[in-house]
Amino acid sequence: MTALTHPNQSNDENLRVIAGKRFRRPTLAPWMVVVLIGMVAFLGLGFARTSLDRSAFDLAELNREIATQEALNRNLRLQVARMESPARIAPLADQLGLVIPGQVQQLMVDLDEPLPPTIRTNDKGTN
């Protein structure tokens, strides 16, 4: 069986061109930009996390140092309180011959006038 063309139709008359969109392959540039932004964001997040962790370690070390120095300060204050204790100072004063005065005298000193010369004595009590 053979196919024959219809005698009334010409091959060129019924053919027409339909304008349409040409199929284009999608470009990779927008995807590369998205991937690049994603990688930069990921690396930036990692860097920020590392910096924060380093700061947290430094802060923890400073807190430990502060606690150590506060303990030392507390011990030094306790030591000062013991040294200033009247119960410790009274026996030492007695050994040195210091006594509590029985009578208190107030002195009025005029600081505008020059002080009188003092007489110095040697260790043996003679002039």
N, C-alpha and C. Protein backbone atom coordinates (compact mmCIF):
# COMPACT_ATOMS: atom_id res chain seq x y z
N MET A 1 0.82 -1.13 0.00
CA MET A 1 0.00 0.00 0.00
C MET A 1 0.89 1.23 0.00
N THR A 2 0.54 2.13 -0.81
CA THR A 2 1.32 3.34 -0.93
C THR A 2 0.44 4.52 -0.58
N ALA A 3 1.05 5.55 -0.12
CA ALA A 3 0.30 6.74 0.27
C ALA A 3 0.45 7.78 -0.81
N LEU A 4 -0.64 8.30 -1.24
CA LEU A 4 -0.62 9.34 -2.26
C LEU A 4 -1.13 10.64 -1.64
N THR A 5 -0.68 11.74 -2.13
CA THR A 5 -1.15 13.03 -1.65
C THR A 5 -2.49 13.34 -2.28
N HIS A 6 -3.28 14.04 -1.58
CA HIS A 6 -4.60 14.41 -2.09
C HIS A 6 -4.41 15.43 -3.20
N PRO A 7 -5.13 15.28 -4.29
CA PRO A 7 -4.86 16.15 -5.42
C PRO A 7 -5.19 17.62 -5.14
N ASN A 8 -6.11 17.94 -4.21
CA ASN A 8 -6.49 19.34 -3.98
C ASN A 8 -5.54 20.06 -3.03
N GLN A 9 -4.74 19.35 -2.33
CA GLN A 9 -3.88 19.99 -1.33
C GLN A 9 -2.45 20.06 -1.84
N SER A 10 -1.87 21.17 -1.64
CA SER A 10 -0.46 21.32 -1.97
C SER A 10 0.32 21.22 -0.65
N ASN A 11 1.49 20.77 -0.72
CA ASN A 11 2.31 20.59 0.49
C ASN A 11 2.69 21.93 1.12
N ASP A 12 2.90 22.93 0.35
CA ASP A 12 3.39 24.20 0.88
C ASP A 12 2.27 25.09 1.43
N GLU A 13 1.05 24.93 0.96
CA GLU A 13 -0.02 25.82 1.34
C GLU A 13 -0.51 25.58 2.77
N ASN A 14 -0.55 24.40 3.24
CA ASN A 14 -1.10 24.09 4.57
C ASN A 14 -0.05 24.13 5.68
N LEU A 15 1.15 24.35 5.31
CA LEU A 15 2.20 24.42 6.33
C LEU A 15 2.31 25.84 6.84
N ARG A 16 2.39 25.98 8.14
CA ARG A 16 2.60 27.30 8.71
C ARG A 16 3.51 27.16 9.93
N VAL A 17 4.17 28.24 10.27
CA VAL A 17 5.12 28.26 11.39
C VAL A 17 4.43 28.90 12.58
N ILE A 18 4.46 28.20 13.70
CA ILE A 18 3.88 28.71 14.94
C ILE A 18 5.04 29.22 15.79
N ALA A 19 4.96 30.49 16.13
CA ALA A 19 6.02 31.08 16.96
C ALA A 19 5.82 30.59 18.40
N GLY A 20 6.83 30.09 18.97
CA GLY A 20 6.76 29.60 20.34
C GLY A 20 8.04 29.91 21.10
N LYS A 21 8.07 29.50 22.33
CA LYS A 21 9.27 29.73 23.14
C LYS A 21 10.28 28.66 22.85
N ARG A 22 11.45 29.11 22.73
CA ARG A 22 12.53 28.17 22.48
C ARG A 22 12.96 27.57 23.81
N PHE A 23 13.16 26.32 23.88
CA PHE A 23 13.56 25.65 25.12
C PHE A 23 15.03 25.96 25.37
N ARG A 24 15.26 26.53 26.54
CA ARG A 24 16.64 26.83 26.91
C ARG A 24 17.02 26.02 28.13
N ARG A 25 18.22 25.64 28.17
CA ARG A 25 18.73 24.93 29.31
C ARG A 25 18.90 25.93 30.46
N PRO A 26 18.49 25.58 31.70
CA PRO A 26 18.64 26.55 32.80
C PRO A 26 20.12 26.84 33.07
N THR A 27 20.39 28.09 33.40
CA THR A 27 21.78 28.48 33.65
C THR A 27 22.17 28.08 35.07
N LEU A 28 23.45 27.89 35.27
CA LEU A 28 23.96 27.48 36.58
C LEU A 28 24.34 28.66 37.46
N ALA A 29 24.42 29.86 36.91
CA ALA A 29 24.88 31.02 37.68
C ALA A 29 24.00 31.29 38.91
N PRO A 30 22.68 31.33 38.82
CA PRO A 30 21.90 31.58 40.05
C PRO A 30 22.08 30.50 41.09
N TRP A 31 22.20 29.26 40.66
CA TRP A 31 22.40 28.17 41.62
C TRP A 31 23.76 28.27 42.28
N MET A 32 24.75 28.67 41.50
CA MET A 32 26.09 28.82 42.08
C MET A 32 26.10 29.95 43.12
N VAL A 33 25.37 31.03 42.85
CA VAL A 33 25.28 32.13 43.81
C VAL A 33 24.61 31.65 45.09
N VAL A 34 23.54 30.90 44.97
CA VAL A 34 22.83 30.38 46.15
C VAL A 34 23.75 29.45 46.95
N VAL A 35 24.47 28.56 46.26
CA VAL A 35 25.38 27.64 46.94
C VAL A 35 26.51 28.42 47.61
N LEU A 36 27.05 29.43 46.93
CA LEU A 36 28.13 30.23 47.51
C LEU A 36 27.64 30.98 48.76
N ILE A 37 26.45 31.56 48.70
CA ILE A 37 25.90 32.25 49.88
C ILE A 37 25.69 31.25 51.02
N GLY A 38 25.21 30.06 50.70
CA GLY A 38 25.03 29.04 51.73
C GLY A 38 26.34 28.64 52.38
N MET A 39 27.38 28.47 51.57
CA MET A 39 28.69 28.09 52.12
C MET A 39 29.26 29.20 53.00
N VAL A 40 29.14 30.44 52.54
CA VAL A 40 29.65 31.57 53.33
C VAL A 40 28.88 31.67 54.65
N ALA A 41 27.57 31.47 54.61
CA ALA A 41 26.77 31.52 55.84
C ALA A 41 27.17 30.39 56.79
N PHE A 42 27.40 29.20 56.26
CA PHE A 42 27.81 28.07 57.09
C PHE A 42 29.16 28.32 57.73
N LEU A 43 30.13 28.79 56.94
CA LEU A 43 31.46 29.07 57.49
C LEU A 43 31.41 30.23 58.48
N GLY A 44 30.60 31.25 58.19
CA GLY A 44 30.46 32.37 59.14
C GLY A 44 29.85 31.92 60.45
N LEU A 45 28.87 31.04 60.38
CA LEU A 45 28.26 30.51 61.59
C LEU A 45 29.27 29.70 62.39
N GLY A 46 30.08 28.91 61.71
CA GLY A 46 31.12 28.14 62.40
C GLY A 46 32.14 29.05 63.06
N PHE A 47 32.54 30.10 62.36
CA PHE A 47 33.51 31.05 62.94
C PHE A 47 32.92 31.76 64.14
N ALA A 48 31.67 32.19 64.04
CA ALA A 48 31.02 32.88 65.17
C ALA A 48 30.90 31.94 66.36
N ARG A 49 30.54 30.71 66.11
CA ARG A 49 30.41 29.73 67.20
C ARG A 49 31.75 29.49 67.89
N THR A 50 32.82 29.38 67.09
CA THR A 50 34.15 29.18 67.64
C THR A 50 34.57 30.38 68.48
N SER A 51 34.30 31.59 67.99
CA SER A 51 34.65 32.79 68.75
C SER A 51 33.88 32.85 70.06
N LEU A 52 32.61 32.52 70.03
CA LEU A 52 31.82 32.53 71.27
C LEU A 52 32.31 31.48 72.25
N ASP A 53 32.68 30.31 71.74
CA ASP A 53 33.20 29.27 72.64
C ASP A 53 34.51 29.71 73.27
N ARG A 54 35.39 30.34 72.48
CA ARG A 54 36.66 30.81 73.01
C ARG A 54 36.40 31.86 74.09
N SER A 55 35.46 32.77 73.84
CA SER A 55 35.12 33.79 74.83
C SER A 55 34.54 33.15 76.09
N ALA A 56 33.75 32.10 75.92
CA ALA A 56 33.18 31.41 77.09
C ALA A 56 34.29 30.77 77.93
N PHE A 57 35.29 30.18 77.27
CA PHE A 57 36.41 29.59 78.01
C PHE A 57 37.20 30.67 78.75
N ASP A 58 37.44 31.80 78.09
CA ASP A 58 38.14 32.90 78.75
C ASP A 58 37.35 33.42 79.95
N LEU A 59 36.04 33.52 79.78
CA LEU A 59 35.19 33.99 80.87
C LEU A 59 35.21 33.02 82.05
N ALA A 60 35.18 31.72 81.75
CA ALA A 60 35.23 30.72 82.82
C ALA A 60 36.57 30.79 83.56
N GLU A 61 37.65 31.00 82.82
CA GLU A 61 38.97 31.12 83.46
C GLU A 61 39.03 32.37 84.34
N LEU A 62 38.48 33.48 83.86
CA LEU A 62 38.45 34.70 84.67
C LEU A 62 37.60 34.52 85.92
N ASN A 63 36.48 33.81 85.81
CA ASN A 63 35.64 33.55 86.99
C ASN A 63 36.38 32.71 88.01
N ARG A 64 37.15 31.71 87.55
CA ARG A 64 37.95 30.91 88.48
C ARG A 64 39.01 31.78 89.16
N GLU A 65 39.65 32.66 88.40
CA GLU A 65 40.67 33.54 88.98
C GLU A 65 40.03 34.51 89.98
N ILE A 66 38.85 35.02 89.68
CA ILE A 66 38.15 35.91 90.61
C ILE A 66 37.82 35.18 91.90
N ALA A 67 37.34 33.94 91.79
CA ALA A 67 37.02 33.16 92.99
C ALA A 67 38.27 32.92 93.82
N THR A 68 39.39 32.63 93.18
CA THR A 68 40.65 32.41 93.90
C THR A 68 41.08 33.68 94.63
N GLN A 69 41.00 34.83 93.93
CA GLN A 69 41.42 36.09 94.54
C GLN A 69 40.47 36.52 95.66
N GLU A 70 39.18 36.22 95.52
CA GLU A 70 38.24 36.52 96.60
C GLU A 70 38.53 35.69 97.84
N ALA A 71 38.89 34.42 97.64
CA ALA A 71 39.25 33.57 98.78
C ALA A 71 40.51 34.11 99.46
N LEU A 72 41.50 34.52 98.65
CA LEU A 72 42.72 35.09 99.21
C LEU A 72 42.41 36.38 99.96
N ASN A 73 41.57 37.23 99.40
CA ASN A 73 41.19 38.48 100.06
C ASN A 73 40.47 38.20 101.38
N ARG A 74 39.58 37.21 101.38
CA ARG A 74 38.88 36.84 102.61
C ARG A 74 39.88 36.38 103.68
N ASN A 75 40.86 35.58 103.29
CA ASN A 75 41.87 35.10 104.25
C ASN A 75 42.71 36.26 104.78
N LEU A 76 43.06 37.20 103.90
CA LEU A 76 43.85 38.35 104.35
C LEU A 76 43.04 39.25 105.30
N ARG A 77 41.77 39.44 105.03
CA ARG A 77 40.93 40.22 105.94
C ARG A 77 40.82 39.54 107.31
N LEU A 78 40.71 38.22 107.30
CA LEU A 78 40.65 37.47 108.55
C LEU A 78 41.97 37.62 109.32
N GLN A 79 43.07 37.59 108.58
CA GLN A 79 44.38 37.73 109.21
C GLN A 79 44.53 39.14 109.81
N VAL A 80 44.06 40.16 109.08
CA VAL A 80 44.11 41.54 109.61
C VAL A 80 43.25 41.65 110.85
N ALA A 81 42.08 41.04 110.85
CA ALA A 81 41.20 41.09 112.02
C ALA A 81 41.85 40.42 113.22
N ARG A 82 42.55 39.32 112.99
CA ARG A 82 43.26 38.66 114.10
C ARG A 82 44.38 39.53 114.63
N MET A 83 45.11 40.20 113.73
CA MET A 83 46.22 41.04 114.17
C MET A 83 45.74 42.28 114.93
N GLU A 84 44.57 42.79 114.58
CA GLU A 84 44.03 43.97 115.24
C GLU A 84 43.27 43.64 116.52
N SER A 85 43.12 42.40 116.84
CA SER A 85 42.33 41.97 117.98
C SER A 85 42.93 42.51 119.29
N PRO A 86 42.11 43.17 120.11
CA PRO A 86 42.60 43.67 121.40
C PRO A 86 43.09 42.54 122.31
N ALA A 87 42.53 41.37 122.18
CA ALA A 87 42.97 40.24 123.01
C ALA A 87 44.42 39.86 122.67
N ARG A 88 44.85 40.10 121.46
CA ARG A 88 46.23 39.81 121.09
C ARG A 88 47.15 40.97 121.44
N ILE A 89 46.64 42.19 121.30
CA ILE A 89 47.49 43.36 121.50
C ILE A 89 47.73 43.65 122.99
N ALA A 90 46.73 43.39 123.86
CA ALA A 90 46.86 43.73 125.30
C ALA A 90 48.05 43.03 125.96
N PRO A 91 48.27 41.71 125.79
CA PRO A 91 49.45 41.10 126.42
C PRO A 91 50.77 41.65 125.87
N LEU A 92 50.79 41.97 124.59
CA LEU A 92 52.02 42.54 124.02
C LEU A 92 52.29 43.93 124.60
N ALA A 93 51.25 44.71 124.82
CA ALA A 93 51.42 46.04 125.41
C ALA A 93 51.90 45.92 126.85
N ASP A 94 51.39 44.95 127.60
CA ASP A 94 51.86 44.74 128.98
C ASP A 94 53.33 44.37 129.01
N GLN A 95 53.76 43.55 128.06
CA GLN A 95 55.19 43.16 128.01
C GLN A 95 56.07 44.38 127.73
N LEU A 96 55.57 45.32 126.97
CA LEU A 96 56.35 46.51 126.64
C LEU A 96 56.23 47.58 127.74
N GLY A 97 55.40 47.34 128.73
CA GLY A 97 55.26 48.29 129.83
C GLY A 97 54.26 49.40 129.53
N LEU A 98 53.43 49.22 128.56
CA LEU A 98 52.41 50.22 128.24
C LEU A 98 51.20 49.99 129.13
N VAL A 99 50.63 51.08 129.64
CA VAL A 99 49.46 50.98 130.51
C VAL A 99 48.38 51.93 130.01
N ILE A 100 47.17 51.69 130.44
CA ILE A 100 46.06 52.57 130.09
C ILE A 100 46.13 53.76 131.02
N PRO A 101 46.10 54.97 130.48
CA PRO A 101 46.22 56.15 131.36
C PRO A 101 44.99 56.28 132.25
N GLY A 102 45.22 56.70 133.47
CA GLY A 102 44.12 56.88 134.41
C GLY A 102 43.43 58.21 134.20
N GLN A 103 44.13 59.16 133.68
CA GLN A 103 43.59 60.50 133.51
C GLN A 103 43.85 60.95 132.07
N VAL A 104 42.82 61.49 131.43
CA VAL A 104 42.95 61.93 130.04
C VAL A 104 43.06 63.44 130.02
N GLN A 105 44.05 63.95 129.32
CA GLN A 105 44.23 65.39 129.20
C GLN A 105 44.11 65.77 127.72
N GLN A 106 43.38 66.84 127.48
CA GLN A 106 43.26 67.33 126.12
C GLN A 106 44.23 68.48 125.93
N LEU A 107 44.86 68.49 124.81
CA LEU A 107 45.81 69.55 124.49
C LEU A 107 45.24 70.38 123.35
N MET A 108 45.32 71.68 123.49
CA MET A 108 44.92 72.58 122.43
C MET A 108 46.20 73.06 121.77
N VAL A 109 46.33 72.84 120.50
CA VAL A 109 47.55 73.20 119.78
C VAL A 109 47.17 74.21 118.71
N ASP A 110 47.87 75.33 118.73
CA ASP A 110 47.68 76.32 117.68
C ASP A 110 48.74 76.05 116.62
N LEU A 111 48.30 75.64 115.48
CA LEU A 111 49.25 75.24 114.43
C LEU A 111 49.80 76.43 113.66
N ASP A 112 49.28 77.62 113.91
CA ASP A 112 49.79 78.80 113.21
C ASP A 112 51.08 79.31 113.84
N GLU A 113 51.30 79.02 115.13
CA GLU A 113 52.52 79.46 115.81
C GLU A 113 53.62 78.43 115.61
N PRO A 114 54.87 78.88 115.51
CA PRO A 114 55.95 77.90 115.38
C PRO A 114 56.13 77.12 116.68
N LEU A 115 56.56 75.89 116.55
CA LEU A 115 56.76 75.03 117.71
C LEU A 115 58.04 75.42 118.43
N PRO A 116 58.04 75.32 119.80
CA PRO A 116 59.27 75.64 120.53
C PRO A 116 60.32 74.55 120.29
N PRO A 117 61.58 74.90 120.41
CA PRO A 117 62.62 73.87 120.21
C PRO A 117 62.53 72.81 121.30
N THR A 118 62.85 71.60 120.95
CA THR A 118 62.80 70.50 121.92
C THR A 118 64.19 70.18 122.41
N ILE A 119 64.23 69.62 123.61
CA ILE A 119 65.51 69.22 124.19
C ILE A 119 65.65 67.73 123.96
N ARG A 120 66.73 67.36 123.36
CA ARG A 120 66.95 65.95 123.06
C ARG A 120 67.80 65.34 124.15
N THR A 121 67.48 64.13 124.53
CA THR A 121 68.27 63.42 125.53
C THR A 121 68.83 62.17 124.87
N ASN A 122 69.94 61.69 125.42
CA ASN A 122 70.50 60.44 124.86
C ASN A 122 69.81 59.27 125.52
N ASP A 123 70.19 58.05 125.16
CA ASP A 123 69.53 56.84 125.63
C ASP A 123 69.65 56.63 127.13
N LYS A 124 70.69 57.18 127.78
CA LYS A 124 70.93 56.94 129.19
C LYS A 124 70.15 57.90 130.09
N GLY A 125 69.46 58.86 129.48
CA GLY A 125 68.65 59.79 130.26
C GLY A 125 69.41 61.01 130.69
N THR A 126 70.63 61.23 130.26
CA THR A 126 71.40 62.43 130.64
C THR A 126 71.41 63.40 129.47
N ASN A 127 71.58 64.69 129.79
CA ASN A 127 71.60 65.70 128.75
C ASN A 127 72.93 65.86 128.11
